[in-house]
Protein backbone atom coordinates (compact mmCIF):
# COMPACT_ATOMS: atom_id res chain seq x y z
CA MET A 1 1.50 1.71 -26.52
CA GLU A 2 0.80 0.38 -22.85
CA ASN A 3 -0.30 2.77 -20.00
CA PHE A 4 2.04 2.81 -17.21
CA ILE A 5 3.33 4.76 -14.07
CA LYS A 6 6.72 4.68 -12.63
CA LEU A 7 7.93 6.40 -9.32
CA ILE A 8 11.09 8.21 -10.08
CA LYS A 9 11.37 10.43 -6.90
CA ALA A 10 10.02 10.55 -3.35
CA GLU A 11 10.68 13.62 -0.83
CA ILE A 12 9.32 13.21 2.64
CA LYS A 13 9.19 15.68 5.55
CA ASN A 14 8.15 15.04 9.05
CA ILE A 15 7.77 11.41 8.89
CA LYS A 16 8.82 9.49 12.06
CA ASN A 17 12.37 10.63 12.52
CA VAL A 18 12.75 12.17 8.97
CA LYS A 19 12.38 15.64 8.99
CA HIS A 20 13.48 15.92 5.35
CA GLY A 21 14.83 13.40 2.95
CA ILE A 22 14.85 13.05 -0.99
CA ILE A 23 15.38 9.91 -2.99
CA ASP A 24 15.69 9.62 -6.64
CA PHE A 25 15.12 5.99 -7.96
CA LYS A 26 17.63 6.01 -10.92
CA THR A 27 17.30 2.37 -11.64
CA ASN A 28 14.63 -0.59 -11.31
CA ILE A 29 16.18 -1.63 -8.14
CA THR A 30 16.76 0.62 -5.18
CA GLY A 31 18.18 -0.63 -1.89
CA ILE A 32 18.30 1.32 1.51
CA TYR A 33 20.68 0.88 3.83
CA GLY A 34 21.64 2.29 7.14
CA GLN A 35 21.79 1.82 11.00
CA ASN A 36 18.90 1.07 13.16
CA GLY A 37 16.56 3.55 13.60
CA SER A 38 17.81 5.84 10.91
CA GLY A 39 14.89 6.32 8.51
CA LYS A 40 14.74 3.61 6.26
CA THR A 41 11.28 2.19 7.18
CA ALA A 42 10.09 5.71 7.06
CA LEU A 43 10.48 5.63 3.17
CA VAL A 44 8.27 2.38 3.23
CA ASP A 45 5.64 4.18 5.34
CA SER A 46 5.47 6.95 3.08
CA THR A 47 4.62 4.89 0.06
CA ASN A 48 2.31 2.98 2.37
CA ILE A 49 0.41 6.26 2.82
CA LEU A 50 0.73 7.00 -0.62
CA LYS A 51 -1.34 3.77 -1.52
CA ALA A 52 -3.73 4.21 1.10
CA TYR A 53 -4.18 7.97 -0.20
CA LEU A 54 -4.77 6.93 -3.70
CA LEU A 55 -7.41 4.28 -2.80
CA GLY A 56 -9.41 6.79 -0.86
CA ARG A 57 -8.79 5.19 2.38
CA LYS A 58 -9.00 6.71 6.04
CA LEU A 59 -5.73 8.14 7.00
CA ASP A 60 -6.23 8.29 10.66
CA PRO A 61 -4.27 5.37 11.25
CA PHE A 62 -0.98 7.21 10.10
CA TYR A 63 -1.36 9.91 12.91
CA ASP A 64 1.67 8.38 14.96
CA LEU A 65 3.70 8.52 11.63
CA ILE A 66 3.92 12.11 11.71
CA ASN A 67 6.95 13.30 13.40
CA ILE A 68 5.98 13.88 17.18
CA GLU A 69 7.40 17.60 17.15
CA ALA A 70 5.42 18.32 13.98
CA LYS A 71 1.78 19.34 13.28
CA THR A 72 2.09 18.25 9.68
CA CYS A 73 4.09 16.02 7.18
CA SER A 74 4.46 16.46 3.58
CA LEU A 75 4.86 13.83 0.68
CA ASN A 76 5.92 14.71 -2.63
CA PHE A 77 6.08 11.87 -5.37
CA THR A 78 7.24 12.46 -8.91
CA PHE A 79 6.14 9.94 -11.64
CA GLU A 80 6.97 9.38 -15.23
CA VAL A 81 3.56 8.45 -16.93
CA GLU A 82 2.36 7.27 -20.13
CA ILE A 83 -1.19 7.46 -21.22
CA ASP A 84 -2.59 6.98 -24.81
CA LYS A 85 0.65 7.60 -26.35
CA LYS A 86 1.43 10.74 -24.43
CA LYS A 87 4.07 11.04 -21.92
CA TYR A 88 4.16 13.35 -18.90
CA LYS A 89 5.87 13.93 -15.68
CA ILE A 90 3.55 13.84 -12.73
CA PHE A 91 4.24 15.68 -9.41
CA LEU A 92 2.00 14.73 -6.66
CA GLU A 93 2.09 17.11 -3.59
CA ILE A 94 0.36 15.81 -0.34
CA THR A 95 0.23 17.83 3.10
CA LEU A 96 -1.22 15.90 6.02
CA LYS A 97 -2.39 17.58 9.39
CA LYS A 98 -2.74 16.02 12.90
CA ILE A 99 -6.29 16.96 14.32
CA LYS A 100 -8.35 16.11 17.18
CA LYS A 101 -11.87 14.96 16.51
CA ILE A 102 -14.86 13.62 18.49
CA VAL A 103 -15.97 10.01 18.11
CA GLU A 104 -18.75 8.92 20.09
CA ASN A 105 -18.32 11.52 22.43
CA GLU A 106 -14.67 10.72 23.08
CA GLU A 107 -11.52 12.93 21.68
CA VAL A 108 -9.49 10.99 19.40
CA ASN A 109 -6.21 11.52 17.22
CA GLY A 110 -7.09 11.99 13.61
CA VAL A 111 -5.40 13.14 9.96
CA ILE A 112 -6.46 15.29 7.45
CA VAL A 113 -5.43 16.16 3.93
CA ASP A 114 -4.61 19.74 4.43
CA LYS A 115 -3.52 20.20 0.90
CA GLU A 116 -3.36 18.07 -2.21
CA ILE A 117 -2.19 19.05 -5.62
CA ILE A 118 -1.35 17.27 -8.86
CA LYS A 119 1.26 19.32 -11.20
CA TYR A 120 2.24 18.03 -14.52
CA SER A 121 4.54 18.73 -17.48
CA GLU A 122 4.27 16.91 -20.99
CA ILE A 123 7.31 15.58 -22.37
CA ILE A 124 7.56 15.89 -25.91
CA GLY A 125 10.36 14.12 -27.80
CA GLU A 126 13.28 14.74 -25.31
CA LYS A 127 12.10 17.86 -23.84
CA ALA A 128 9.59 18.68 -20.95
CA THR A 129 7.08 21.46 -21.10
CA SER A 130 7.08 23.76 -18.07
CA LYS A 131 5.39 22.62 -15.03
CA LYS A 132 1.54 23.45 -14.48
CA VAL A 133 -0.85 22.89 -11.94
CA LEU A 134 -3.45 20.19 -13.16
CA ILE A 135 -5.79 20.24 -10.37
CA GLY A 136 -5.54 20.59 -6.59
CA SER A 137 -7.41 21.47 -3.27
CA THR A 138 -6.40 23.39 -0.35
CA LYS A 139 -8.04 24.81 2.86
CA LYS A 140 -8.97 28.05 0.67
CA GLU A 141 -9.57 26.51 -2.48
CA VAL A 142 -12.12 23.78 -3.06
CA LEU A 143 -10.54 23.44 -6.63
CA LYS A 144 -7.15 24.87 -7.24
CA ASN A 145 -6.25 26.19 -10.84
CA SER A 146 -9.58 28.36 -10.77
CA GLU A 147 -8.90 29.32 -14.27
CA ASN A 148 -9.28 25.82 -15.62
CA PHE A 149 -12.31 25.29 -13.80
CA LYS A 150 -13.99 28.46 -14.35
CA LYS A 151 -16.79 27.08 -16.40
CA LEU A 152 -17.52 24.49 -13.54
CA LEU A 153 -17.21 26.81 -10.63
CA LEU A 154 -19.70 29.44 -12.35
CA ASP A 155 -22.44 26.81 -11.72
CA GLU A 156 -23.51 27.88 -8.28
CA GLU A 157 -25.27 24.47 -7.63
CA GLU A 158 -22.11 22.50 -8.37
CA LYS A 159 -19.86 24.86 -6.35
CA ILE A 160 -21.89 24.32 -3.46
CA ASN A 161 -21.94 20.51 -4.31
CA LEU A 162 -18.21 20.31 -4.53
CA MET A 163 -17.92 22.30 -1.12
CA VAL A 164 -20.19 19.82 0.60
CA ILE A 165 -18.13 17.04 -0.93
CA LYS A 166 -15.01 18.45 0.46
CA LYS A 167 -16.30 19.06 3.80
CA VAL A 168 -17.56 15.38 4.02
CA ILE A 169 -14.38 13.82 2.74
CA GLU A 170 -12.37 15.95 5.53
CA ASN A 171 -14.60 14.44 8.22
CA GLU A 172 -13.84 10.88 6.68
CA SER A 173 -10.07 11.65 6.88
CA THR A 174 -9.57 10.74 3.17
CA SER A 175 -8.40 12.29 -0.19
CA PHE A 176 -10.92 14.88 -2.13
CA LEU A 177 -8.89 14.49 -5.29
CA PHE A 178 -9.67 10.72 -5.47
CA THR A 179 -12.80 10.50 -4.48
CA GLU A 180 -15.63 9.00 -6.50
CA GLU A 181 -17.89 12.17 -5.95
CA LEU A 182 -15.25 14.63 -7.63
CA MET A 183 -14.82 11.93 -10.47
CA LYS A 184 -18.66 12.00 -11.19
CA VAL A 185 -18.48 15.77 -11.26
CA LEU A 186 -15.47 15.89 -13.41
CA ILE A 187 -16.98 13.28 -16.04
CA LYS A 188 -20.18 15.29 -16.18
CA TYR A 189 -17.83 17.98 -17.80
CA LYS A 190 -15.45 15.28 -19.66
CA GLU A 191 -15.12 17.65 -22.80
CA ASN A 192 -13.20 20.03 -20.66
CA TYR A 193 -11.48 17.77 -18.29
CA GLN A 194 -10.66 14.75 -20.29
CA GLU A 195 -6.73 14.84 -19.64
CA ILE A 196 -7.16 15.39 -15.88
CA ILE A 197 -9.74 12.59 -15.64
CA ASN A 198 -7.11 10.39 -17.48
CA ILE A 199 -4.40 11.14 -15.26
CA ILE A 200 -6.37 10.88 -11.99
CA LEU A 201 -7.85 7.36 -12.99
CA SER A 202 -3.92 6.15 -13.94
CA LEU A 203 -2.74 7.36 -10.55
CA LYS A 204 -5.91 5.58 -8.93
CA LYS A 205 -5.11 2.23 -10.90
CA PHE A 206 -1.48 2.49 -9.73
CA GLY A 207 -2.43 2.72 -6.14
CA VAL A 208 -4.90 -0.32 -6.60
CA SER A 209 -2.99 -2.80 -8.63
CA ASP A 210 0.39 -1.76 -9.15
CA LEU A 211 1.85 -0.12 -6.01
CA ILE A 212 2.49 -3.02 -3.64
CA VAL A 213 3.84 -2.48 -0.20
CA ILE A 214 4.84 -5.34 2.08
CA THR A 215 5.75 -4.01 5.68
CA ASN A 216 6.95 -6.14 8.65
CA GLU A 217 3.24 -6.35 9.86
CA ASN A 218 2.93 -9.24 7.60
CA LEU A 219 5.54 -11.49 9.16
CA GLY A 220 3.97 -10.43 12.45
CA ILE A 221 0.54 -11.51 11.31
CA ILE A 222 1.89 -14.89 10.23
CA ASN A 223 3.78 -15.69 13.48
CA MET A 224 1.30 -14.61 15.88
CA ASN A 225 -2.08 -15.55 14.53
CA ASN A 226 -1.61 -18.49 12.17
CA ILE A 227 -2.63 -16.18 9.25
CA PHE A 228 -0.67 -16.15 6.12
CA PRO A 229 -0.69 -13.00 3.94
CA LEU A 230 -0.02 -14.22 0.21
CA ASN A 231 0.75 -11.13 -1.50
CA VAL A 232 -0.68 -11.76 -4.97
CA ARG A 233 -0.35 -10.00 -8.28
CA THR A 234 -1.32 -11.60 -11.52
CA ASN A 235 -3.19 -10.47 -14.72
CA LYS A 236 -6.33 -11.66 -13.12
CA SER A 237 -5.94 -10.68 -9.20
CA PHE A 238 -3.89 -8.72 -7.02
CA GLY A 239 -3.86 -7.66 -3.36
CA SER A 240 -3.32 -9.59 0.04
CA PHE A 241 -5.38 -13.06 0.48
CA PHE A 242 -5.25 -14.04 4.04
CA ILE A 243 -4.95 -17.81 4.41
CA THR A 244 -6.54 -18.99 7.72
CA GLU A 245 -7.49 -22.32 9.11
CA GLN A 246 -11.10 -20.79 9.37
CA ASN A 247 -13.86 -21.05 7.22
CA ILE A 248 -13.94 -18.10 4.41
CA VAL A 249 -16.85 -17.42 1.80
CA ILE A 250 -15.22 -16.69 -1.17
CA ASP A 251 -15.94 -16.74 -5.31
CA GLU A 252 -15.45 -20.28 -6.81
CA THR A 253 -13.42 -18.52 -9.23
CA MET A 254 -11.07 -16.91 -6.85
CA CYS A 255 -10.53 -20.22 -5.46
CA VAL A 256 -9.37 -21.40 -8.66
CA GLU A 257 -7.41 -18.59 -9.12
CA LEU A 258 -5.52 -19.05 -5.92
CA HIS A 259 -4.84 -22.69 -6.92
CA ARG A 260 -3.15 -21.23 -9.88
CA VAL A 261 -1.05 -18.74 -7.87
CA ILE A 262 0.41 -21.34 -5.84
CA GLU A 263 1.30 -23.30 -9.04
CA GLN A 264 3.09 -20.18 -10.28
CA ILE A 265 4.85 -19.72 -6.99
CA ASN A 266 6.05 -23.47 -7.18
CA ILE A 267 7.55 -23.07 -10.57
CA VAL A 268 10.05 -20.39 -9.01
CA LEU A 269 10.24 -22.14 -5.28
CA HIS A 270 11.53 -25.40 -6.77
CA SER A 271 14.95 -23.05 -8.03
CA ILE A 272 15.22 -21.05 -5.06
CA ILE A 273 14.36 -23.99 -2.17
CA PRO A 274 15.44 -27.58 -4.04
CA ASN A 275 12.91 -30.12 -3.35
CA MET A 276 10.18 -28.01 -1.79
CA SER A 277 6.89 -27.13 -3.24
CA LEU A 278 3.45 -26.02 -1.78
CA ASP A 279 -0.17 -27.19 -2.03
CA LEU A 280 -3.16 -25.62 -0.92
CA PHE A 281 -5.29 -28.16 0.79
CA GLU A 282 -9.14 -27.72 0.89
CA LYS A 283 -9.89 -29.16 4.11
CA ASN A 284 -13.54 -28.34 3.69
CA LYS A 285 -15.67 -27.10 0.80
CA GLU A 286 -19.51 -26.57 0.39
CA PHE A 287 -21.54 -24.49 -1.81
CA VAL A 288 -23.33 -21.74 -0.08
CA GLU A 289 -25.07 -19.83 -3.32
CA GLN A 290 -24.43 -19.33 -7.09
CA ASN A 291 -20.56 -19.28 -7.64
CA ARG A 292 -19.97 -19.01 -4.15
CA ILE A 293 -18.28 -21.46 -1.80
CA ASN A 294 -17.48 -21.84 1.78
CA VAL A 295 -14.15 -23.41 1.87
CA VAL A 296 -11.51 -24.05 4.77
CA PHE A 297 -7.79 -23.74 3.37
CA GLN A 298 -4.58 -25.07 4.74
CA LEU A 299 -1.21 -24.06 3.26
CA ILE A 300 1.01 -27.16 3.31
CA SER A 301 4.76 -27.66 2.40
CA ILE A 302 5.95 -30.50 0.21
CA ARG A 303 9.45 -31.90 1.03
CA ASP A 304 10.52 -35.08 -0.85
CA GLY A 305 6.95 -36.00 -0.94
CA LYS A 306 6.48 -35.67 2.83
CA LYS A 307 3.86 -33.06 3.58
CA ILE A 308 3.87 -30.63 6.81
CA PRO A 309 1.74 -27.57 7.75
CA PHE A 310 3.36 -24.22 6.34
CA LYS A 311 2.97 -22.52 9.48
CA ASN A 312 5.79 -24.69 10.93
CA GLU A 313 8.29 -23.39 8.10
CA SER A 314 11.01 -20.83 9.22
CA GLU A 315 10.62 -17.04 8.94
CA GLY A 316 12.90 -16.94 5.96
CA ILE A 317 10.83 -19.40 3.99
CA LYS A 318 7.62 -17.64 5.12
CA LYS A 319 9.03 -14.37 3.81
CA ILE A 320 9.79 -15.79 0.54
CA VAL A 321 6.69 -17.44 -0.26
CA SER A 322 4.55 -14.40 0.98
CA ILE A 323 6.23 -12.01 -1.59
CA LEU A 324 7.31 -14.52 -4.45
CA SER A 325 3.99 -13.76 -6.54
CA ALA A 326 4.66 -10.25 -6.29
CA ILE A 327 8.38 -10.48 -7.17
CA ILE A 328 7.38 -12.81 -10.12
CA ALA A 329 4.89 -9.96 -11.33
CA THR A 330 7.59 -7.17 -10.86
CA TYR A 331 10.08 -9.00 -12.92
CA HIS A 332 7.77 -9.28 -15.97
CA ASN A 333 5.72 -6.13 -15.69
CA LYS A 334 7.16 -2.62 -16.02
CA GLY A 335 4.22 -0.82 -14.49
CA ILE A 336 4.57 -2.56 -11.13
CA CYS A 337 6.24 -0.99 -7.97
CA LEU A 338 6.98 -3.31 -5.21
CA VAL A 339 8.40 -1.85 -1.94
CA VAL A 340 9.62 -4.46 0.73
CA ASP A 341 10.51 -3.64 4.26
CA GLU A 342 13.66 -5.55 5.38
CA LEU A 343 13.65 -7.70 2.40
CA ASP A 344 16.80 -9.82 4.07
CA SER A 345 14.77 -10.85 7.09
CA GLY A 346 15.29 -14.51 7.77
CA ILE A 347 16.88 -14.99 4.37
CA PHE A 348 20.19 -16.82 3.84
CA GLU A 349 22.50 -14.07 2.74
CA TYR A 350 24.28 -15.88 -0.13
CA LEU A 351 20.60 -16.69 -1.55
CA LEU A 352 19.38 -13.12 -1.23
CA GLY A 353 22.56 -11.75 -3.10
CA GLU A 354 21.99 -14.05 -5.92
CA LEU A 355 18.49 -13.28 -6.21
CA LEU A 356 19.00 -9.82 -6.29
CA SER A 357 21.65 -10.14 -8.79
CA ILE A 358 19.28 -12.07 -11.10
CA LEU A 359 16.65 -9.49 -10.72
CA ASP A 360 18.97 -6.62 -11.38
CA GLU A 361 19.65 -8.33 -14.97
CA GLY A 362 16.18 -8.72 -15.90
CA ILE A 363 13.59 -7.13 -13.94
CA LYS A 364 11.17 -4.76 -15.54
CA GLY A 365 9.43 -3.11 -12.76
CA GLN A 366 10.57 -1.49 -9.96
CA LEU A 367 11.86 -2.98 -6.70
CA ILE A 368 12.41 -0.86 -3.57
CA PHE A 369 13.56 -2.41 -0.30
CA THR A 370 15.28 -1.95 2.83
CA SER A 371 17.86 -4.33 4.15
CA HIS A 372 20.77 -4.89 6.71
CA ASN A 373 22.46 -7.42 4.90
CA LEU A 374 25.59 -6.00 3.51
CA ARG A 375 26.08 -8.95 0.94
CA VAL A 376 23.85 -6.95 -1.43
CA LEU A 377 26.33 -4.24 -1.59
CA GLU A 378 28.70 -6.67 -3.51
CA LYS A 379 25.84 -7.42 -6.03
CA LEU A 380 24.35 -4.35 -6.81
CA ASP A 381 25.52 -1.07 -8.75
CA LYS A 382 26.12 2.09 -6.79
CA ASP A 383 23.07 3.82 -8.47
CA SER A 384 20.75 1.17 -6.96
CA LEU A 385 21.90 1.89 -3.49
CA VAL A 386 20.67 4.51 -1.18
CA PHE A 387 22.17 5.16 2.54
CA THR A 388 20.67 7.08 5.46
CA THR A 389 22.69 9.71 7.43
CA VAL A 390 22.44 10.78 10.93
CA ASN A 391 21.26 14.17 9.61
CA GLU A 392 17.47 14.00 10.06
CA GLU A 393 17.43 17.25 7.96
CA ASN A 394 19.13 15.36 5.06
CA ARG A 395 18.25 11.50 5.59
CA TYR A 396 19.21 9.95 2.21
CA LEU A 397 22.36 10.06 0.10
CA ARG A 398 24.30 8.00 -2.45
CA LEU A 399 28.15 7.40 -1.94
CA LYS A 400 30.35 9.59 -4.04
CA ASN A 401 33.77 9.05 -5.62
CA ILE A 402 33.25 5.40 -6.32
CA LYS A 403 35.02 3.68 -8.73
CA PRO A 404 33.90 0.61 -10.83
CA SER A 405 36.57 -1.39 -9.11
CA ASN A 406 35.72 -0.53 -5.69
CA ASN A 407 33.65 -3.06 -3.41
CA LEU A 408 30.83 -0.98 -2.12
CA ARG A 409 30.61 -3.33 0.93
CA ASP A 410 34.19 -2.46 2.01
CA VAL A 411 33.54 1.14 1.05
CA TYR A 412 30.70 1.45 3.27
CA ILE A 413 32.09 -0.15 6.27
CA ARG A 414 35.27 2.16 5.87
CA GLU A 415 33.00 5.19 5.86
CA MET A 416 31.51 4.61 9.20
CA THR A 417 34.91 5.16 10.67
CA MET A 418 36.31 7.62 8.25
CA GLN A 419 33.43 9.97 7.53
CA GLU A 420 34.54 11.00 4.16
CA GLN A 421 31.12 11.71 2.47
CA ASN A 422 29.27 14.99 2.92
CA GLU A 423 27.21 13.72 5.67
CA ILE A 424 27.82 11.14 8.38
CA LEU A 425 26.29 7.78 8.10
CA TYR A 426 26.85 6.18 11.10
CA ASP A 427 26.48 7.39 14.84
CA GLU A 428 29.26 5.92 16.39
CA THR A 429 29.00 3.47 19.09
CA ASN A 430 31.81 2.77 22.01
CA ASN A 431 32.64 -0.79 22.50
CA GLY A 432 33.64 -0.06 26.24
CA ASP A 433 30.33 1.93 26.76
CA ILE A 434 28.31 -0.93 25.70
CA GLU A 435 30.38 -3.56 27.93
CA PHE A 436 30.04 -1.32 30.78
CA ALA A 437 26.12 -0.51 30.06
CA LEU A 438 25.55 -4.41 30.21
CA TYR A 439 27.63 -4.78 33.53
CA GLU A 440 25.64 -1.85 35.22
CA ALA A 441 22.19 -3.63 34.13
CA GLY A 442 23.27 -6.82 35.54
CA VAL A 443 24.33 -5.16 38.90
CA LEU A 444 21.01 -3.34 38.73
CA ASP A 445 19.13 -6.50 38.56
CA ALA A 446 21.22 -8.28 41.16
CA LYS A 447 20.19 -5.43 43.68
CA LYS A 448 16.49 -6.18 43.37
């Protein structure tokens, strides 16, 4: 049985304007809808924090994502996990805290992991065992579940070593549970902690290669800097590869792999945008050392045999091409979780609806996205859709009392005025107020 991890639930507290929100991922596709500024992107940001946390990256850059009125934020994720023919439910609980720290004699904003706990229950047949703490770390306890780590903590030298590692990690604003130093200690005593090691390594692999988060920063990079982030996920490679018109030094094998990725993208691109294909043109190439080459790439579009620089293509085509390798991988691999902010940005709504309809029928992995385009509501089942509310203490809900014959788009638009759900989905605007505000703004400008 292939090892894999699937995200089945996310609970976030004090991320941006979401004081509390829970989403259960019931199907392989989940679309998140709601008015501007209602907490859709907060979920994407939370998965981005999760990825950085699992990879052991610095968490300081996420300082501004913590609610301005709060000192801490909490992220709780639930996963279904299969490892070596065993099935688990894994519960990851993370609390991040804002701090001030001194860097080069200047006070700067920082973030530390205040608490991190992994709990689990084993699934035997159709039943799950009671939830237990697998491993954790808090301000008061270097290693939570002290009974399980009794033998390890009895070694005074090892205990001091762990305390030093914990302090260093805190100063670096990274995770303690997913640091290499802790893993080395656990492996040293692996006869006692093999299950813990397996689960931590599986979660880490999920963060490294199987959790793909695509934010709006990708398109911003494309449009402002003539840099194209190609989100790659194949059996041999993964991550964002930045194609620029400047010299880059890469492995020769990576160069071959990039050409293969473009070839893979072209297979699907032909069916989405007729008569269009891509080519990775090597403007300059020279060997600098063994298996290393210095190369200048240019990504070009080919339409009806005519070649043009890809940077001149529309925002929608750039978005499609940027995420297409990741979508192909998600379609075929049940272990991949692809999270995309504003999936509909720049994409023709009919094409978007048809593409999601096809993915809904055959996707093996998991696609989570935010969108404003209501065409999708006509293509996906109600269990695949989550809506934001105006209540910051209960940001996400699913529509209730939906019949199979109902058009979800019509129901959602009607709900904005009728307000028949448990929470209000739309903070109403007044056309008269908007018109008067536009008039006043013009008058103010004329007085200058």
